[in-house]
Amino acid sequence: MIEERKIKLNNVISSRTLGKGENETIMICVKNKGIPVTDDYQAINYALNCGLKPKTSELILLELLEKNIISHKEFQISFNELAHIKSLKPDIVLFFKNRAEEIMNK
């Protein structure tokens, strides 16, 4: 026998929990196979659930460094400002600074 049940799941990200801009951006990226850029935690999770590979500001800074578009000093200045604005945890800051060092040592 099949029974229909109404179950409320906690911590599930849906398009209804996002702002209009984030939702539209993700839907455009799904349609056009794009890459959403966002620092919004819920938008990142929703994009991942939609099969996308979202990028954050930190990842973009690393890519700019890797492609020699910005210098290591420019990365450090921008990343420090970003880490302060986003209140990044120390282990996250350390991860990105170590990754930047690895890129510079290549």
PDB file of N, CA and C in Angstrom:
ATOM      1  N   MET A   1       0.828  -1.170   0.000  1.00  0.00           N
ATOM      2  CA  MET A   1       0.000   0.000   0.000  1.00  0.00           C
ATOM      3  C   MET A   1       0.888   1.256   0.000  1.00  0.00           C
ATOM      4  N   ILE A   2       0.573   2.207  -0.834  1.00  0.00           N
ATOM      5  CA  ILE A   2       1.335   3.446  -0.933  1.00  0.00           C
ATOM      6  C   ILE A   2       0.589   4.535  -0.177  1.00  0.00           C
ATOM      7  N   GLU A   3       1.340   5.215   0.695  1.00  0.00           N
ATOM      8  CA  GLU A   3       0.761   6.294   1.484  1.00  0.00           C
ATOM      9  C   GLU A   3       1.436   7.603   1.127  1.00  0.00           C
ATOM     10  N   GLU A   4       0.661   8.642   1.003  1.00  0.00           N
ATOM     11  CA  GLU A   4       1.225   9.972   0.770  1.00  0.00           C
ATOM     12  C   GLU A   4       1.464  10.613   2.124  1.00  0.00           C
ATOM     13  N   ARG A   5       2.649  11.183   2.288  1.00  0.00           N
ATOM     14  CA  ARG A   5       2.979  11.841   3.552  1.00  0.00           C
ATOM     15  C   ARG A   5       3.517  13.229   3.275  1.00  0.00           C
ATOM     16  N   LYS A   6       3.216  14.110   4.161  1.00  0.00           N
ATOM     17  CA  LYS A   6       3.756  15.463   4.104  1.00  0.00           C
ATOM     18  C   LYS A   6       4.893  15.523   5.116  1.00  0.00           C
ATOM     19  N   ILE A   7       6.104  15.644   4.606  1.00  0.00           N
ATOM     20  CA  ILE A   7       7.274  15.681   5.481  1.00  0.00           C
ATOM     21  C   ILE A   7       7.971  17.017   5.268  1.00  0.00           C
ATOM     22  N   LYS A   8       8.280  17.680   6.365  1.00  0.00           N
ATOM     23  CA  LYS A   8       9.022  18.929   6.285  1.00  0.00           C
ATOM     24  C   LYS A   8      10.486  18.613   6.552  1.00  0.00           C
ATOM     25  N   LEU A   9      11.324  18.926   5.585  1.00  0.00           N
ATOM     26  CA  LEU A   9      12.757  18.694   5.731  1.00  0.00           C
ATOM     27  C   LEU A   9      13.427  19.985   6.183  1.00  0.00           C
ATOM     28  N   ASN A  10      14.264  19.879   7.176  1.00  0.00           N
ATOM     29  CA  ASN A  10      15.016  21.041   7.648  1.00  0.00           C
ATOM     30  C   ASN A  10      16.291  21.185   6.837  1.00  0.00           C
ATOM     31  N   ASN A  11      16.759  22.403   6.707  1.00  0.00           N
ATOM     32  CA  ASN A  11      18.030  22.712   6.045  1.00  0.00           C
ATOM     33  C   ASN A  11      18.056  22.346   4.572  1.00  0.00           C
ATOM     34  N   VAL A  12      16.917  22.245   3.936  1.00  0.00           N
ATOM     35  CA  VAL A  12      16.885  22.001   2.505  1.00  0.00           C
ATOM     36  C   VAL A  12      16.735  23.348   1.816  1.00  0.00           C
ATOM     37  N   ILE A  13      17.627  23.625   0.900  1.00  0.00           N
ATOM     38  CA  ILE A  13      17.621  24.905   0.209  1.00  0.00           C
ATOM     39  C   ILE A  13      16.748  24.778  -1.028  1.00  0.00           C
ATOM     40  N   SER A  14      15.795  25.667  -1.167  1.00  0.00           N
ATOM     41  CA  SER A  14      14.974  25.685  -2.368  1.00  0.00           C
ATOM     42  C   SER A  14      15.008  27.087  -2.943  1.00  0.00           C
ATOM     43  N   SER A  15      14.500  27.211  -4.144  1.00  0.00           N
ATOM     44  CA  SER A  15      14.517  28.517  -4.797  1.00  0.00           C
ATOM     45  C   SER A  15      13.669  29.527  -4.025  1.00  0.00           C
ATOM     46  N   ARG A  16      12.725  29.065  -3.226  1.00  0.00           N
ATOM     47  CA  ARG A  16      11.871  29.981  -2.448  1.00  0.00           C
ATOM     48  C   ARG A  16      12.626  30.665  -1.325  1.00  0.00           C
ATOM     49  N   THR A  17      13.746  30.100  -0.887  1.00  0.00           N
ATOM     50  CA  THR A  17      14.507  30.699   0.208  1.00  0.00           C
ATOM     51  C   THR A  17      15.504  31.738  -0.293  1.00  0.00           C
ATOM     52  N   LEU A  18      15.627  31.867  -1.603  1.00  0.00           N
ATOM     53  CA  LEU A  18      16.582  32.809  -2.183  1.00  0.00           C
ATOM     54  C   LEU A  18      15.898  34.109  -2.559  1.00  0.00           C
ATOM     55  N   GLY A  19      16.716  35.139  -2.667  1.00  0.00           N
ATOM     56  CA  GLY A  19      16.208  36.394  -3.190  1.00  0.00           C
ATOM     57  C   GLY A  19      15.948  36.243  -4.685  1.00  0.00           C
ATOM     58  N   LYS A  20      15.190  37.168  -5.239  1.00  0.00           N
ATOM     59  CA  LYS A  20      14.834  37.109  -6.656  1.00  0.00           C
ATOM     60  C   LYS A  20      16.086  37.117  -7.544  1.00  0.00           C
ATOM     61  N   GLY A  21      17.057  37.950  -7.216  1.00  0.00           N
ATOM     62  CA  GLY A  21      18.277  38.049  -8.028  1.00  0.00           C
ATOM     63  C   GLY A  21      19.086  36.765  -8.042  1.00  0.00           C
ATOM     64  N   GLU A  22      19.273  36.182  -6.861  1.00  0.00           N
ATOM     65  CA  GLU A  22      20.041  34.930  -6.799  1.00  0.00           C
ATOM     66  C   GLU A  22      19.332  33.821  -7.561  1.00  0.00           C
ATOM     67  N   ASN A  23      18.015  33.731  -7.382  1.00  0.00           N
ATOM     68  CA  ASN A  23      17.250  32.690  -8.060  1.00  0.00           C
ATOM     69  C   ASN A  23      17.329  32.858  -9.576  1.00  0.00           C
ATOM     70  N   GLU A  24      17.150  34.085 -10.064  1.00  0.00           N
ATOM     71  CA  GLU A  24      17.211  34.323 -11.503  1.00  0.00           C
ATOM     72  C   GLU A  24      18.597  34.026 -12.057  1.00  0.00           C
ATOM     73  N   THR A  25      19.616  34.424 -11.319  1.00  0.00           N
ATOM     74  CA  THR A  25      20.989  34.162 -11.755  1.00  0.00           C
ATOM     75  C   THR A  25      21.238  32.666 -11.894  1.00  0.00           C
ATOM     76  N   ILE A  26      20.813  31.898 -10.914  1.00  0.00           N
ATOM     77  CA  ILE A  26      21.022  30.452 -10.944  1.00  0.00           C
ATOM     78  C   ILE A  26      20.231  29.823 -12.087  1.00  0.00           C
ATOM     79  N   MET A  27      19.004  30.264 -12.299  1.00  0.00           N
ATOM     80  CA  MET A  27      18.197  29.714 -13.395  1.00  0.00           C
ATOM     81  C   MET A  27      18.816  30.043 -14.754  1.00  0.00           C
ATOM     82  N   ILE A  28      19.361  31.235 -14.907  1.00  0.00           N
ATOM     83  CA  ILE A  28      20.052  31.601 -16.157  1.00  0.00           C
ATOM     84  C   ILE A  28      21.268  30.706 -16.356  1.00  0.00           C
ATOM     85  N   CYS A  29      22.012  30.466 -15.282  1.00  0.00           N
ATOM     86  CA  CYS A  29      23.200  29.606 -15.371  1.00  0.00           C
ATOM     87  C   CYS A  29      22.824  28.162 -15.689  1.00  0.00           C
ATOM     88  N   VAL A  30      21.719  27.685 -15.144  1.00  0.00           N
ATOM     89  CA  VAL A  30      21.261  26.334 -15.465  1.00  0.00           C
ATOM     90  C   VAL A  30      20.922  26.263 -16.945  1.00  0.00           C
ATOM     91  N   LYS A  31      20.186  27.246 -17.426  1.00  0.00           N
ATOM     92  CA  LYS A  31      19.750  27.261 -18.827  1.00  0.00           C
ATOM     93  C   LYS A  31      20.917  27.380 -19.794  1.00  0.00           C
ATOM     94  N   ASN A  32      21.892  28.217 -19.447  1.00  0.00           N
ATOM     95  CA  ASN A  32      23.000  28.504 -20.361  1.00  0.00           C
ATOM     96  C   ASN A  32      24.302  27.796 -19.988  1.00  0.00           C
ATOM     97  N   LYS A  33      24.217  26.876 -19.029  1.00  0.00           N
ATOM     98  CA  LYS A  33      25.400  26.153 -18.549  1.00  0.00           C
ATOM     99  C   LYS A  33      26.485  27.124 -18.092  1.00  0.00           C
ATOM    100  N   GLY A  34      26.057  28.130 -17.344  1.00  0.00           N
ATOM    101  CA  GLY A  34      26.966  29.153 -16.842  1.00  0.00           C
ATOM    102  C   GLY A  34      27.491  28.832 -15.461  1.00  0.00           C
ATOM    103  N   ILE A  35      28.280  29.745 -14.955  1.00  0.00           N
ATOM    104  CA  ILE A  35      28.866  29.599 -13.629  1.00  0.00           C
ATOM    105  C   ILE A  35      28.396  30.769 -12.770  1.00  0.00           C
ATOM    106  N   PRO A  36      27.567  30.483 -11.771  1.00  0.00           N
ATOM    107  CA  PRO A  36      27.123  31.581 -10.912  1.00  0.00           C
ATOM    108  C   PRO A  36      28.235  32.029  -9.968  1.00  0.00           C
ATOM    109  N   VAL A  37      28.320  33.322  -9.757  1.00  0.00           N
ATOM    110  CA  VAL A  37      29.281  33.885  -8.816  1.00  0.00           C
ATOM    111  C   VAL A  37      28.475  34.476  -7.675  1.00  0.00           C
ATOM    112  N   THR A  38      28.686  33.941  -6.488  1.00  0.00           N
ATOM    113  CA  THR A  38      27.942  34.408  -5.323  1.00  0.00           C
ATOM    114  C   THR A  38      28.707  34.073  -4.055  1.00  0.00           C
ATOM    115  N   ASP A  39      28.484  34.882  -3.034  1.00  0.00           N
ATOM    116  CA  ASP A  39      29.035  34.598  -1.715  1.00  0.00           C
ATOM    117  C   ASP A  39      27.925  34.233  -0.736  1.00  0.00           C
ATOM    118  N   ASP A  40      26.711  34.113  -1.247  1.00  0.00           N
ATOM    119  CA  ASP A  40      25.557  33.778  -0.422  1.00  0.00           C
ATOM    120  C   ASP A  40      25.522  32.262  -0.205  1.00  0.00           C
ATOM    121  N   TYR A  41      25.582  31.858   1.053  1.00  0.00           N
ATOM    122  CA  TYR A  41      25.650  30.432   1.402  1.00  0.00           C
ATOM    123  C   TYR A  41      24.472  29.639   0.831  1.00  0.00           C
ATOM    124  N   GLN A  42      23.261  30.161   0.985  1.00  0.00           N
ATOM    125  CA  GLN A  42      22.093  29.446   0.475  1.00  0.00           C
ATOM    126  C   GLN A  42      22.113  29.356  -1.049  1.00  0.00           C
ATOM    127  N   ALA A  43      22.534  30.422  -1.710  1.00  0.00           N
ATOM    128  CA  ALA A  43      22.608  30.412  -3.173  1.00  0.00           C
ATOM    129  C   ALA A  43      23.656  29.416  -3.656  1.00  0.00           C
ATOM    130  N   ILE A  44      24.765  29.333  -2.952  1.00  0.00           N
ATOM    131  CA  ILE A  44      25.814  28.369  -3.311  1.00  0.00           C
ATOM    132  C   ILE A  44      25.260  26.943  -3.220  1.00  0.00           C
ATOM    133  N   ASN A  45      24.596  26.641  -2.119  1.00  0.00           N
ATOM    134  CA  ASN A  45      24.044  25.291  -1.942  1.00  0.00           C
ATOM    135  C   ASN A  45      22.972  24.981  -2.970  1.00  0.00           C
ATOM    136  N   TYR A  46      22.118  25.947  -3.249  1.00  0.00           N
ATOM    137  CA  TYR A  46      21.072  25.720  -4.252  1.00  0.00           C
ATOM    138  C   TYR A  46      21.700  25.498  -5.631  1.00  0.00           C
ATOM    139  N   ALA A  47      22.713  26.304  -5.967  1.00  0.00           N
ATOM    140  CA  ALA A  47      23.396  26.138  -7.254  1.00  0.00           C
ATOM    141  C   ALA A  47      24.036  24.752  -7.347  1.00  0.00           C
ATOM    142  N   LEU A  48      24.659  24.309  -6.272  1.00  0.00           N
ATOM    143  CA  LEU A  48      25.252  22.963  -6.258  1.00  0.00           C
ATOM    144  C   LEU A  48      24.171  21.900  -6.458  1.00  0.00           C
ATOM    145  N   ASN A  49      23.028  22.085  -5.803  1.00  0.00           N
ATOM    146  CA  ASN A  49      21.921  21.139  -5.962  1.00  0.00           C
ATOM    147  C   ASN A  49      21.368  21.130  -7.382  1.00  0.00           C
ATOM    148  N   CYS A  50      21.558  22.229  -8.098  1.00  0.00           N
ATOM    149  CA  CYS A  50      21.110  22.314  -9.500  1.00  0.00           C
ATOM    150  C   CYS A  50      22.168  21.778 -10.462  1.00  0.00           C
ATOM    151  N   GLY A  51      23.281  21.276  -9.925  1.00  0.00           N
ATOM    152  CA  GLY A  51      24.327  20.720 -10.768  1.00  0.00           C
ATOM    153  C   GLY A  51      25.330  21.745 -11.274  1.00  0.00           C
ATOM    154  N   LEU A  52      25.312  22.944 -10.721  1.00  0.00           N
ATOM    155  CA  LEU A  52      26.248  23.988 -11.136  1.00  0.00           C
ATOM    156  C   LEU A  52      27.501  23.956 -10.272  1.00  0.00           C
ATOM    157  N   LYS A  53      28.512  24.676 -10.716  1.00  0.00           N
ATOM    158  CA  LYS A  53      29.755  24.805  -9.959  1.00  0.00           C
ATOM    159  C   LYS A  53      29.969  26.285  -9.659  1.00  0.00           C
ATOM    160  N   PRO A  54      29.316  26.785  -8.607  1.00  0.00           N
ATOM    161  CA  PRO A  54      29.410  28.210  -8.300  1.00  0.00           C
ATOM    162  C   PRO A  54      30.801  28.618  -7.840  1.00  0.00           C
ATOM    163  N   LYS A  55      31.092  29.888  -8.017  1.00  0.00           N
ATOM    164  CA  LYS A  55      32.374  30.434  -7.572  1.00  0.00           C
ATOM    165  C   LYS A  55      32.108  31.536  -6.568  1.00  0.00           C
ATOM    166  N   THR A  56      33.011  31.626  -5.605  1.00  0.00           N
ATOM    167  CA  THR A  56      32.946  32.691  -4.611  1.00  0.00           C
ATOM    168  C   THR A  56      34.012  33.724  -4.929  1.00  0.00           C
ATOM    169  N   SER A  57      33.959  34.838  -4.251  1.00  0.00           N
ATOM    170  CA  SER A  57      34.950  35.891  -4.454  1.00  0.00           C
ATOM    171  C   SER A  57      36.368  35.384  -4.190  1.00  0.00           C
ATOM    172  N   GLU A  58      36.514  34.553  -3.168  1.00  0.00           N
ATOM    173  CA  GLU A  58      37.843  34.025  -2.844  1.00  0.00           C
ATOM    174  C   GLU A  58      38.407  33.194  -3.993  1.00  0.00           C
ATOM    175  N   LEU A  59      37.567  32.363  -4.588  1.00  0.00           N
ATOM    176  CA  LEU A  59      38.016  31.523  -5.696  1.00  0.00           C
ATOM    177  C   LEU A  59      38.395  32.369  -6.909  1.00  0.00           C
ATOM    178  N   ILE A  60      37.645  33.418  -7.143  1.00  0.00           N
ATOM    179  CA  ILE A  60      37.961  34.299  -8.271  1.00  0.00           C
ATOM    180  C   ILE A  60      39.296  34.999  -8.042  1.00  0.00           C
ATOM    181  N   LEU A  61      39.543  35.447  -6.824  1.00  0.00           N
ATOM    182  CA  LEU A  61      40.841  36.064  -6.525  1.00  0.00           C
ATOM    183  C   LEU A  61      41.985  35.090  -6.774  1.00  0.00           C
ATOM    184  N   LEU A  62      41.806  33.834  -6.358  1.00  0.00           N
ATOM    185  CA  LEU A  62      42.853  32.832  -6.616  1.00  0.00           C
ATOM    186  C   LEU A  62      43.071  32.622  -8.116  1.00  0.00           C
ATOM    187  N   GLU A  63      41.995  32.587  -8.875  1.00  0.00           N
ATOM    188  CA  GLU A  63      42.120  32.418 -10.325  1.00  0.00           C
ATOM    189  C   GLU A  63      42.833  33.601 -10.962  1.00  0.00           C
ATOM    190  N   LEU A  64      42.523  34.800 -10.500  1.00  0.00           N
ATOM    191  CA  LEU A  64      43.207  35.989 -11.018  1.00  0.00           C
ATOM    192  C   LEU A  64      44.700  35.934 -10.718  1.00  0.00           C
ATOM    193  N   LEU A  65      45.044  35.465  -9.538  1.00  0.00           N
ATOM    194  CA  LEU A  65      46.447  35.303  -9.161  1.00  0.00           C
ATOM    195  C   LEU A  65      47.115  34.248 -10.027  1.00  0.00           C
ATOM    196  N   GLU A  66      46.445  33.124 -10.197  1.00  0.00           N
ATOM    197  CA  GLU A  66      47.003  32.010 -10.972  1.00  0.00           C
ATOM    198  C   GLU A  66      47.249  32.399 -12.432  1.00  0.00           C
ATOM    199  N   LYS A  67      46.382  33.247 -12.973  1.00  0.00           N
ATOM    200  CA  LYS A  67      46.509  33.676 -14.367  1.00  0.00           C
ATOM    201  C   LYS A  67      47.360  34.934 -14.518  1.00  0.00           C
ATOM    202  N   ASN A  68      48.023  35.336 -13.435  1.00  0.00           N
ATOM    203  CA  ASN A  68      48.883  36.523 -13.424  1.00  0.00           C
ATOM    204  C   ASN A  68      48.150  37.798 -13.815  1.00  0.00           C
ATOM    205  N   ILE A  69      46.887  37.855 -13.496  1.00  0.00           N
ATOM    206  CA  ILE A  69      46.110  39.072 -13.759  1.00  0.00           C
ATOM    207  C   ILE A  69      46.297  40.051 -12.600  1.00  0.00           C
ATOM    208  N   ILE A  70      46.496  39.507 -11.397  1.00  0.00           N
ATOM    209  CA  ILE A  70      46.843  40.334 -10.247  1.00  0.00           C
ATOM    210  C   ILE A  70      48.120  39.787  -9.632  1.00  0.00           C
ATOM    211  N   SER A  71      48.838  40.645  -8.920  1.00  0.00           N
ATOM    212  CA  SER A  71      50.065  40.225  -8.237  1.00  0.00           C
ATOM    213  C   SER A  71      49.718  39.583  -6.895  1.00  0.00           C
ATOM    214  N   HIS A  72      50.729  38.969  -6.305  1.00  0.00           N
ATOM    215  CA  HIS A  72      50.528  38.360  -4.999  1.00  0.00           C
ATOM    216  C   HIS A  72      50.159  39.433  -3.974  1.00  0.00           C
ATOM    217  N   LYS A  73      50.786  40.578  -4.068  1.00  0.00           N
ATOM    218  CA  LYS A  73      50.473  41.678  -3.146  1.00  0.00           C
ATOM    219  C   LYS A  73      49.028  42.143  -3.333  1.00  0.00           C
ATOM    220  N   GLU A  74      48.584  42.268  -4.582  1.00  0.00           N
ATOM    221  CA  GLU A  74      47.202  42.656  -4.844  1.00  0.00           C
ATOM    222  C   GLU A  74      46.235  41.596  -4.293  1.00  0.00           C
ATOM    223  N   PHE A  75      46.601  40.332  -4.456  1.00  0.00           N
ATOM    224  CA  PHE A  75      45.776  39.259  -3.891  1.00  0.00           C
ATOM    225  C   PHE A  75      45.661  39.424  -2.384  1.00  0.00           C
ATOM    226  N   GLN A  76      46.799  39.627  -1.727  1.00  0.00           N
ATOM    227  CA  GLN A  76      46.800  39.742  -0.269  1.00  0.00           C
ATOM    228  C   GLN A  76      45.923  40.902   0.206  1.00  0.00           C
ATOM    229  N   ILE A  77      46.053  42.045  -0.437  1.00  0.00           N
ATOM    230  CA  ILE A  77      45.265  43.214  -0.042  1.00  0.00           C
ATOM    231  C   ILE A  77      43.778  42.941  -0.238  1.00  0.00           C
ATOM    232  N   SER A  78      43.419  42.461  -1.429  1.00  0.00           N
ATOM    233  CA  SER A  78      42.007  42.194  -1.725  1.00  0.00           C
ATOM    234  C   SER A  78      41.448  41.090  -0.836  1.00  0.00           C
ATOM    235  N   PHE A  79      42.230  40.037  -0.640  1.00  0.00           N
ATOM    236  CA  PHE A  79      41.750  38.929   0.175  1.00  0.00           C
ATOM    237  C   PHE A  79      41.567  39.350   1.632  1.00  0.00           C
ATOM    238  N   ASN A  80      42.502  40.134   2.157  1.00  0.00           N
ATOM    239  CA  ASN A  80      42.372  40.589   3.539  1.00  0.00           C
ATOM    240  C   ASN A  80      41.115  41.442   3.726  1.00  0.00           C
ATOM    241  N   GLU A  81      40.838  42.311   2.771  1.00  0.00           N
ATOM    242  CA  GLU A  81      39.615  43.117   2.841  1.00  0.00           C
ATOM    243  C   GLU A  81      38.381  42.217   2.781  1.00  0.00           C
ATOM    244  N   LEU A  82      38.407  41.263   1.871  1.00  0.00           N
ATOM    245  CA  LEU A  82      37.288  40.341   1.713  1.00  0.00           C
ATOM    246  C   LEU A  82      37.079  39.498   2.976  1.00  0.00           C
ATOM    247  N   ALA A  83      38.162  38.984   3.532  1.00  0.00           N
ATOM    248  CA  ALA A  83      38.080  38.155   4.737  1.00  0.00           C
ATOM    249  C   ALA A  83      37.478  38.953   5.896  1.00  0.00           C
ATOM    250  N   HIS A  84      37.823  40.215   5.956  1.00  0.00           N
ATOM    251  CA  HIS A  84      37.276  41.070   7.013  1.00  0.00           C
ATOM    252  C   HIS A  84      35.786  41.321   6.787  1.00  0.00           C
ATOM    253  N   ILE A  85      35.404  41.648   5.566  1.00  0.00           N
ATOM    254  CA  ILE A  85      34.002  41.928   5.241  1.00  0.00           C
ATOM    255  C   ILE A  85      33.137  40.697   5.480  1.00  0.00           C
ATOM    256  N   LYS A  86      33.619  39.528   5.054  1.00  0.00           N
ATOM    257  CA  LYS A  86      32.839  38.297   5.169  1.00  0.00           C
ATOM    258  C   LYS A  86      33.003  37.613   6.522  1.00  0.00           C
ATOM    259  N   SER A  87      33.886  38.138   7.361  1.00  0.00           N
ATOM    260  CA  SER A  87      34.179  37.522   8.662  1.00  0.00           C
ATOM    261  C   SER A  87      34.528  36.046   8.496  1.00  0.00           C
ATOM    262  N   LEU A  88      35.491  35.781   7.608  1.00  0.00           N
ATOM    263  CA  LEU A  88      35.896  34.401   7.352  1.00  0.00           C
ATOM    264  C   LEU A  88      36.580  33.805   8.570  1.00  0.00           C
ATOM    265  N   LYS A  89      36.352  32.531   8.781  1.00  0.00           N
ATOM    266  CA  LYS A  89      36.969  31.822   9.894  1.00  0.00           C
ATOM    267  C   LYS A  89      38.472  31.698   9.634  1.00  0.00           C
ATOM    268  N   PRO A  90      39.268  31.656  10.708  1.00  0.00           N
ATOM    269  CA  PRO A  90      40.731  31.580  10.555  1.00  0.00           C
ATOM    270  C   PRO A  90      41.199  30.413   9.692  1.00  0.00           C
ATOM    271  N   ASP A  91      40.551  29.246   9.799  1.00  0.00           N
ATOM    272  CA  ASP A  91      40.998  28.097   8.996  1.00  0.00           C
ATOM    273  C   ASP A  91      40.727  28.325   7.507  1.00  0.00           C
ATOM    274  N   ILE A  92      39.678  29.056   7.174  1.00  0.00           N
ATOM    275  CA  ILE A  92      39.382  29.378   5.773  1.00  0.00           C
ATOM    276  C   ILE A  92      40.412  30.367   5.248  1.00  0.00           C
ATOM    277  N   VAL A  93      40.723  31.372   6.072  1.00  0.00           N
ATOM    278  CA  VAL A  93      41.735  32.366   5.686  1.00  0.00           C
ATOM    279  C   VAL A  93      43.069  31.674   5.449  1.00  0.00           C
ATOM    280  N   LEU A  94      43.447  30.804   6.344  1.00  0.00           N
ATOM    281  CA  LEU A  94      44.712  30.080   6.213  1.00  0.00           C
ATOM    282  C   LEU A  94      44.727  29.221   4.951  1.00  0.00           C
ATOM    283  N   PHE A  95      43.629  28.540   4.667  1.00  0.00           N
ATOM    284  CA  PHE A  95      43.548  27.710   3.460  1.00  0.00           C
ATOM    285  C   PHE A  95      43.826  28.540   2.207  1.00  0.00           C
ATOM    286  N   PHE A  96      43.152  29.676   2.064  1.00  0.00           N
ATOM    287  CA  PHE A  96      43.317  30.484   0.863  1.00  0.00           C
ATOM    288  C   PHE A  96      44.697  31.147   0.788  1.00  0.00           C
ATOM    289  N   LYS A  97      45.232  31.539   1.924  1.00  0.00           N
ATOM    290  CA  LYS A  97      46.584  32.120   1.914  1.00  0.00           C
ATOM    291  C   LYS A  97      47.617  31.058   1.543  1.00  0.00           C
ATOM    292  N   ASN A  98      47.455  29.844   2.052  1.00  0.00           N
ATOM    293  CA  ASN A  98      48.365  28.753   1.682  1.00  0.00           C
ATOM    294  C   ASN A  98      48.241  28.417   0.206  1.00  0.00           C
ATOM    295  N   ARG A  99      47.025  28.414  -0.296  1.00  0.00           N
ATOM    296  CA  ARG A  99      46.809  28.126  -1.725  1.00  0.00           C
ATOM    297  C   ARG A  99      47.467  29.196  -2.584  1.00  0.00           C
ATOM    298  N   ALA A 100      47.379  30.444  -2.169  1.00  0.00           N
ATOM    299  CA  ALA A 100      48.024  31.538  -2.900  1.00  0.00           C
ATOM    300  C   ALA A 100      49.538  31.358  -2.902  1.00  0.00           C
ATOM    301  N   GLU A 101      50.094  30.933  -1.796  1.00  0.00           N
ATOM    302  CA  GLU A 101      51.545  30.669  -1.707  1.00  0.00           C
ATOM    303  C   GLU A 101      51.935  29.540  -2.663  1.00  0.00           C
ATOM    304  N   GLU A 102      51.135  28.490  -2.710  1.00  0.00           N
ATOM    305  CA  GLU A 102      51.399  27.378  -3.633  1.00  0.00           C
ATOM    306  C   GLU A 102      51.418  27.877  -5.081  1.00  0.00           C
ATOM    307  N   ILE A 103      50.474  28.725  -5.417  1.00  0.00           N
ATOM    308  CA  ILE A 103      50.411  29.271  -6.783  1.00  0.00           C
ATOM    309  C   ILE A 103      51.670  30.075  -7.069  1.00  0.00           C
ATOM    310  N   MET A 104      52.113  30.867  -6.101  1.00  0.00           N
ATOM    311  CA  MET A 104      53.300  31.711  -6.308  1.00  0.00           C
ATOM    312  C   MET A 104      54.569  30.867  -6.432  1.00  0.00           C
ATOM    313  N   ASN A 105      54.587  29.723  -5.808  1.00  0.00           N
ATOM    314  CA  ASN A 105      55.792  28.876  -5.822  1.00  0.00           C
ATOM    315  C   ASN A 105      55.866  27.970  -7.054  1.00  0.00           C
ATOM    316  N   LYS A 106      54.868  28.015  -7.924  1.00  0.00           N
ATOM    317  CA  LYS A 106      54.892  27.180  -9.130  1.00  0.00           C
ATOM    318  C   LYS A 106      55.882  27.727 -10.134  1.00  0.00           C
TER     319      LYS A 106
END
